[in-house]
Amino acid sequence: MEIKDIQNLIKFVAKSGASEVKLEMEDIKITIRTGHDDRGETTYIQQAPQMAAHAPQVIPAAPAVSAVPAESAPADEESKYITVKSPIIGTFYRRPTPDKPMFVEVGASIGTGDVLCVIEAMKLFNEIESEVSGKIVKILVDDSSPVEFDQPLFLVDPS
């Protein structure tokens, strides 16, 4: 199983609403738990001892029945801004390394293709690039915090 397949599996689980999915294959065991109980997303990958080959087995747990809290800010005030959302599940970092400066700050002008942050997913650091030009109005996530798929990260004023 390649990393792209695992990332697609994580995205699928996040969209499905399942609270836990386990996948066991020849030499790999993956457990994905979603953060519907406000603990954040957790992904475990464990090398299993060599056993006889089995067909992949996906065991979805019952979907969680909890509502996602709505944004507390007024919608009309933020409707003029573009929301940059997380394309993957992982840990959000505002700087490339602890000794380097932040990628962007509130008030910074950005262009299309500028790196806004990195999201670590399964020991891989994925640069998140801006798809719009504008000015950073608000950073919605704290540094080193877990983020979910499609979670808002930044508000950008395109004007």
Protein backbone atom coordinates (compact mmCIF):
# COMPACT_ATOMS: atom_id res chain seq x y z
CA MET A 1 0.00 0.00 0.00
CA GLU A 2 1.44 3.34 -1.00
CA ILE A 3 1.25 6.61 0.95
CA LYS A 4 -1.21 8.07 -1.59
CA ASP A 5 -3.56 5.15 -0.95
CA ILE A 6 -3.34 5.72 2.80
CA GLN A 7 -4.02 9.46 2.40
CA ASN A 8 -7.06 8.68 0.23
CA LEU A 9 -8.27 6.23 2.87
CA ILE A 10 -7.92 8.90 5.57
CA LYS A 11 -9.90 11.40 3.45
CA PHE A 12 -12.60 8.79 2.82
CA VAL A 13 -12.92 7.99 6.54
CA ALA A 14 -13.09 11.71 7.42
CA LYS A 15 -15.93 12.26 4.91
CA SER A 16 -17.82 9.09 5.88
CA GLY A 17 -18.45 10.12 9.47
CA ALA A 18 -17.20 6.81 10.85
CA SER A 19 -15.49 7.11 14.21
CA GLU A 20 -13.02 4.26 13.65
CA VAL A 21 -11.82 2.15 10.75
CA LYS A 22 -9.35 -0.74 10.94
CA LEU A 23 -7.56 -2.15 7.90
CA GLU A 24 -5.39 -5.25 8.12
CA MET A 25 -3.33 -6.54 5.22
CA GLU A 26 -0.36 -8.87 4.82
CA ASP A 27 2.27 -6.93 6.76
CA ILE A 28 0.49 -3.73 7.74
CA LYS A 29 -2.25 -2.83 10.18
CA ILE A 30 -3.90 0.62 10.03
CA THR A 31 -6.37 2.09 12.51
CA ILE A 32 -7.96 5.47 11.79
CA ARG A 33 -9.97 7.15 14.53
CA THR A 34 -11.81 10.36 13.77
CA GLY A 35 -12.19 13.18 16.28
CA HIS A 36 -15.95 13.21 16.68
CA ASP A 37 -15.46 13.18 20.45
CA ASP A 38 -13.33 16.38 20.35
CA ARG A 39 -10.01 14.55 20.77
CA GLY A 40 -8.81 15.25 17.23
CA GLU A 41 -7.82 12.84 14.48
CA THR A 42 -5.55 9.92 15.29
CA THR A 43 -3.97 7.56 12.82
CA TYR A 44 -1.97 4.50 13.85
CA ILE A 45 0.09 2.36 11.53
CA GLN A 46 1.66 -0.77 12.91
CA GLN A 47 3.68 -3.44 11.18
CA ALA A 48 1.96 -6.73 11.89
CA PRO A 49 3.88 -9.98 12.23
CA GLN A 50 4.07 -12.04 9.05
CA MET A 51 0.92 -14.12 8.71
CA ALA A 52 -0.88 -15.91 5.93
CA ALA A 53 -2.22 -13.46 3.33
CA HIS A 54 -5.80 -12.41 3.98
CA ALA A 55 -8.10 -10.29 1.90
CA PRO A 56 -8.11 -6.66 3.11
CA GLN A 57 -10.66 -6.26 5.84
CA VAL A 58 -12.25 -2.88 6.60
CA ILE A 59 -14.27 -2.73 9.81
CA PRO A 60 -16.17 0.57 10.07
CA ALA A 61 -17.53 1.36 13.49
CA ALA A 62 -20.94 2.89 14.00
CA PRO A 63 -20.94 6.55 12.96
CA ALA A 64 -20.67 9.04 15.78
CA VAL A 65 -23.84 10.96 16.51
CA SER A 66 -22.34 14.28 17.52
CA ALA A 67 -22.85 17.62 15.86
CA VAL A 68 -19.88 19.67 14.71
CA PRO A 69 -19.96 23.05 16.47
CA ALA A 70 -20.82 25.94 14.17
CA GLU A 71 -18.60 28.99 13.71
CA SER A 72 -19.34 31.57 16.38
CA ALA A 73 -18.39 34.59 14.21
CA PRO A 74 -21.16 36.34 12.27
CA ALA A 75 -21.52 34.89 8.79
CA ASP A 76 -22.11 38.24 7.03
CA GLU A 77 -18.83 39.68 8.34
CA GLU A 78 -16.76 36.72 7.13
CA SER A 79 -18.69 36.09 3.91
CA LYS A 80 -16.49 38.53 1.97
CA TYR A 81 -13.39 36.46 2.82
CA ILE A 82 -12.10 33.31 1.16
CA THR A 83 -11.55 30.38 3.50
CA VAL A 84 -8.42 28.27 2.97
CA LYS A 85 -9.22 24.74 4.15
CA SER A 86 -7.07 21.75 5.04
CA PRO A 87 -6.81 19.26 2.18
CA ILE A 88 -5.71 16.46 4.55
CA ILE A 89 -5.85 15.24 8.13
CA GLY A 90 -2.71 15.87 10.16
CA THR A 91 -0.84 18.30 12.40
CA PHE A 92 -0.81 21.98 11.39
CA TYR A 93 2.49 23.88 11.57
CA ARG A 94 2.92 27.60 10.83
CA ARG A 95 6.69 27.35 10.25
CA PRO A 96 8.93 24.93 8.32
CA THR A 97 11.13 24.17 11.37
CA PRO A 98 11.09 25.46 14.96
CA ASP A 99 14.03 27.79 14.31
CA LYS A 100 12.58 29.37 11.12
CA PRO A 101 10.08 32.27 10.89
CA MET A 102 6.35 31.73 10.33
CA PHE A 103 5.22 31.21 6.73
CA VAL A 104 2.54 33.93 7.05
CA GLU A 105 1.21 36.33 9.67
CA VAL A 106 -2.10 38.19 9.94
CA GLY A 107 -1.92 41.13 7.54
CA ALA A 108 0.60 39.49 5.20
CA SER A 109 -0.01 39.77 1.45
CA ILE A 110 0.01 36.42 -0.32
CA GLY A 111 -0.01 35.34 -3.94
CA THR A 112 -1.17 32.20 -5.69
CA GLY A 113 1.30 29.40 -4.97
CA ASP A 114 2.74 30.92 -1.77
CA VAL A 115 3.24 28.39 1.04
CA LEU A 116 0.88 29.17 3.93
CA CYS A 117 1.71 26.30 6.30
CA VAL A 118 2.70 22.65 6.42
CA ILE A 119 0.56 19.74 7.57
CA GLU A 120 2.31 16.65 8.85
CA ALA A 121 0.50 13.46 7.99
CA MET A 122 2.16 10.14 8.78
CA LYS A 123 5.69 11.58 9.07
CA LEU A 124 5.31 13.45 5.76
CA PHE A 125 5.30 17.25 5.74
CA ASN A 126 2.89 18.58 3.09
CA GLU A 127 3.24 22.23 2.08
CA ILE A 128 -0.14 23.91 1.76
CA GLU A 129 -0.04 26.52 -0.99
CA SER A 130 -2.45 29.40 -1.52
CA GLU A 131 -4.85 29.07 -4.40
CA VAL A 132 -5.79 32.77 -4.17
CA SER A 133 -4.06 36.13 -3.90
CA GLY A 134 -4.94 38.53 -1.13
CA LYS A 135 -4.23 39.41 2.48
CA ILE A 136 -4.35 37.09 5.51
CA VAL A 137 -7.17 38.34 7.74
CA LYS A 138 -7.31 35.57 10.34
CA ILE A 139 -5.43 32.39 11.24
CA LEU A 140 -8.02 29.93 12.54
CA VAL A 141 -5.75 27.16 13.90
CA ASP A 142 -3.05 27.21 16.57
CA ASP A 143 0.46 26.06 15.69
CA SER A 144 1.09 22.33 16.27
CA SER A 145 -2.64 21.56 16.45
CA PRO A 146 -4.37 18.58 14.85
CA VAL A 147 -6.56 19.46 11.87
CA GLU A 148 -9.26 17.53 10.05
CA PHE A 149 -9.94 17.23 6.35
CA ASP A 150 -11.70 20.37 5.04
CA GLN A 151 -11.18 22.26 8.32
CA PRO A 152 -10.83 26.05 7.82
CA LEU A 153 -7.25 27.22 8.38
CA PHE A 154 -7.07 30.83 7.15
CA LEU A 155 -9.37 33.67 6.11
CA VAL A 156 -8.06 35.63 3.11
CA ASP A 157 -9.32 39.01 1.89
CA PRO A 158 -9.06 38.79 -1.92
CA SER A 159 -9.45 42.55 -2.47
